């Protein structure tokens, strides 16, 4: 069992930045791929960025490429999402998830953190 707790969300002006944190409980954090998802108002939840268990490979959705960076520190059981050049359309609840090493199944979810970008 893994429990995930996100933090770092808030209100920021367009063009600003935020860093999200997701801290995992348990001793098996390093065996999971990790991801950040978001759910924008009126939209389905979507994957934003993923990272393999050892951090060697990351992927991000086209709309955030060059602006968002996912990283992890397995010694701290933490995954990060650095969000730069934020846009109003980035407004969403952001969730972290832990999943399979194949990076295609997500087993554990956090409760989410709200990010609001004002224009």
Protein backbone atom coordinates (compact mmCIF):
# COMPACT_ATOMS: atom_id res chain seq x y z
CA UNK A 1 0.00 0.00 0.00
CA UNK A 2 1.24 3.48 -0.89
CA UNK A 3 -0.26 6.72 0.33
CA UNK A 4 0.41 9.89 -1.62
CA UNK A 5 0.10 13.44 -0.34
CA UNK A 6 0.39 16.41 -2.71
CA UNK A 7 1.21 19.98 -1.78
CA UNK A 8 2.46 23.17 -3.39
CA UNK A 9 -0.65 24.28 -5.22
CA UNK A 10 -2.03 27.79 -5.02
CA UNK A 11 -2.97 30.95 -6.88
CA UNK A 12 -0.45 32.44 -9.28
CA UNK A 13 -0.52 34.99 -12.09
CA UNK A 14 -0.04 33.97 -15.69
CA UNK A 15 3.65 33.68 -16.48
CA UNK A 16 4.47 32.67 -12.94
CA UNK A 17 5.67 29.39 -11.53
CA UNK A 18 4.82 26.80 -8.90
CA UNK A 19 6.47 23.61 -7.68
CA UNK A 20 4.26 20.73 -6.69
CA UNK A 21 5.36 18.04 -4.26
CA UNK A 22 4.06 14.53 -3.78
CA UNK A 23 5.34 12.60 -0.78
CA UNK A 24 4.77 8.85 -0.62
CA UNK A 25 4.56 6.63 2.41
CA UNK A 26 6.00 3.15 2.45
CA UNK A 27 9.35 1.63 1.64
CA UNK A 28 8.63 0.64 -1.94
CA UNK A 29 8.38 4.09 -3.53
CA UNK A 30 11.38 3.47 -5.78
CA UNK A 31 9.69 0.45 -7.35
CA UNK A 32 6.88 2.52 -8.86
CA UNK A 33 6.66 4.74 -11.87
CA UNK A 34 5.13 8.08 -10.92
CA UNK A 35 2.93 10.53 -12.73
CA UNK A 36 1.19 13.84 -12.43
CA UNK A 37 -2.36 14.12 -13.75
CA UNK A 38 -4.71 17.08 -13.79
CA UNK A 39 -8.41 17.65 -14.07
CA UNK A 40 -9.40 20.99 -15.51
CA UNK A 41 -12.90 22.38 -14.92
CA UNK A 42 -15.41 20.52 -17.05
CA UNK A 43 -12.75 18.19 -18.48
CA UNK A 44 -11.68 14.60 -17.95
CA UNK A 45 -8.58 13.82 -15.93
CA UNK A 46 -5.49 13.83 -18.16
CA UNK A 47 -1.92 12.73 -17.79
CA UNK A 48 0.52 15.66 -17.59
CA UNK A 49 3.88 13.99 -17.04
CA UNK A 50 5.33 10.60 -16.14
CA UNK A 51 8.66 9.37 -14.80
CA UNK A 52 10.12 5.87 -14.58
CA UNK A 53 11.01 4.25 -11.26
CA UNK A 54 14.65 5.32 -11.50
CA UNK A 55 14.01 8.71 -13.06
CA UNK A 56 15.82 7.85 -16.28
CA UNK A 57 12.88 8.50 -18.60
CA UNK A 58 10.24 11.18 -18.48
CA UNK A 59 7.35 12.08 -20.75
CA UNK A 60 5.03 15.05 -20.80
CA UNK A 61 1.96 16.03 -22.73
CA UNK A 62 2.52 18.43 -25.63
CA UNK A 63 0.66 21.29 -23.97
CA UNK A 64 3.21 21.47 -21.12
CA UNK A 65 6.41 20.49 -22.95
CA UNK A 66 9.16 22.99 -22.31
CA UNK A 67 7.27 24.46 -19.34
CA UNK A 68 6.74 21.61 -16.85
CA UNK A 69 9.44 19.29 -15.52
CA UNK A 70 8.81 16.11 -13.56
CA UNK A 71 11.53 14.74 -11.31
CA UNK A 72 11.86 12.46 -8.31
CA UNK A 73 14.10 11.84 -5.32
CA UNK A 74 13.83 8.23 -4.20
CA UNK A 75 15.79 8.97 -1.02
CA UNK A 76 13.00 11.34 0.01
CA UNK A 77 10.05 9.33 -1.39
CA UNK A 78 9.09 12.48 -3.30
CA UNK A 79 8.11 13.34 -6.85
CA UNK A 80 8.06 16.94 -8.05
CA UNK A 81 6.40 18.92 -10.80
CA UNK A 82 8.10 22.19 -11.61
CA UNK A 83 5.61 24.34 -13.51
CA UNK A 84 6.96 27.42 -15.30
CA UNK A 85 5.36 29.99 -17.58
CA UNK A 86 1.95 29.08 -16.24
CA UNK A 87 -1.13 29.84 -18.31
CA UNK A 88 -4.77 30.25 -17.27
CA UNK A 89 -5.54 26.99 -19.05
CA UNK A 90 -3.24 25.19 -16.59
CA UNK A 91 -5.85 25.85 -13.89
CA UNK A 92 -6.80 22.43 -12.53
CA UNK A 93 -6.65 20.04 -9.64
CA UNK A 94 -3.32 18.24 -9.91
CA UNK A 95 -2.96 14.64 -8.72
CA UNK A 96 0.05 12.44 -8.35
CA UNK A 97 -0.16 8.71 -8.99
CA UNK A 98 2.02 5.66 -8.46
CA UNK A 99 1.92 2.82 -10.93
CA UNK A 100 3.49 0.00 -12.85
CA UNK A 101 7.05 -0.03 -14.12
CA UNK A 102 5.57 -0.14 -17.62
CA UNK A 103 4.18 3.36 -16.91
CA UNK A 104 0.71 2.47 -18.14
CA UNK A 105 -1.25 1.44 -15.04
CA UNK A 106 -1.87 3.64 -12.03
CA UNK A 107 -2.63 2.00 -8.73
CA UNK A 108 -2.46 4.72 -6.08
CA UNK A 109 -3.65 8.32 -6.13
CA UNK A 110 -3.26 11.37 -3.97
CA UNK A 111 -6.10 13.65 -2.94
CA UNK A 112 -5.09 16.44 -5.32
CA UNK A 113 -3.90 20.01 -4.98
CA UNK A 114 -5.57 23.02 -6.61
CA UNK A 115 -3.60 25.20 -9.02
CA UNK A 116 -5.26 28.41 -10.17
CA UNK A 117 -3.63 30.67 -12.75
CA UNK A 118 -5.10 34.14 -13.12
CA UNK A 119 -4.84 36.15 -16.33
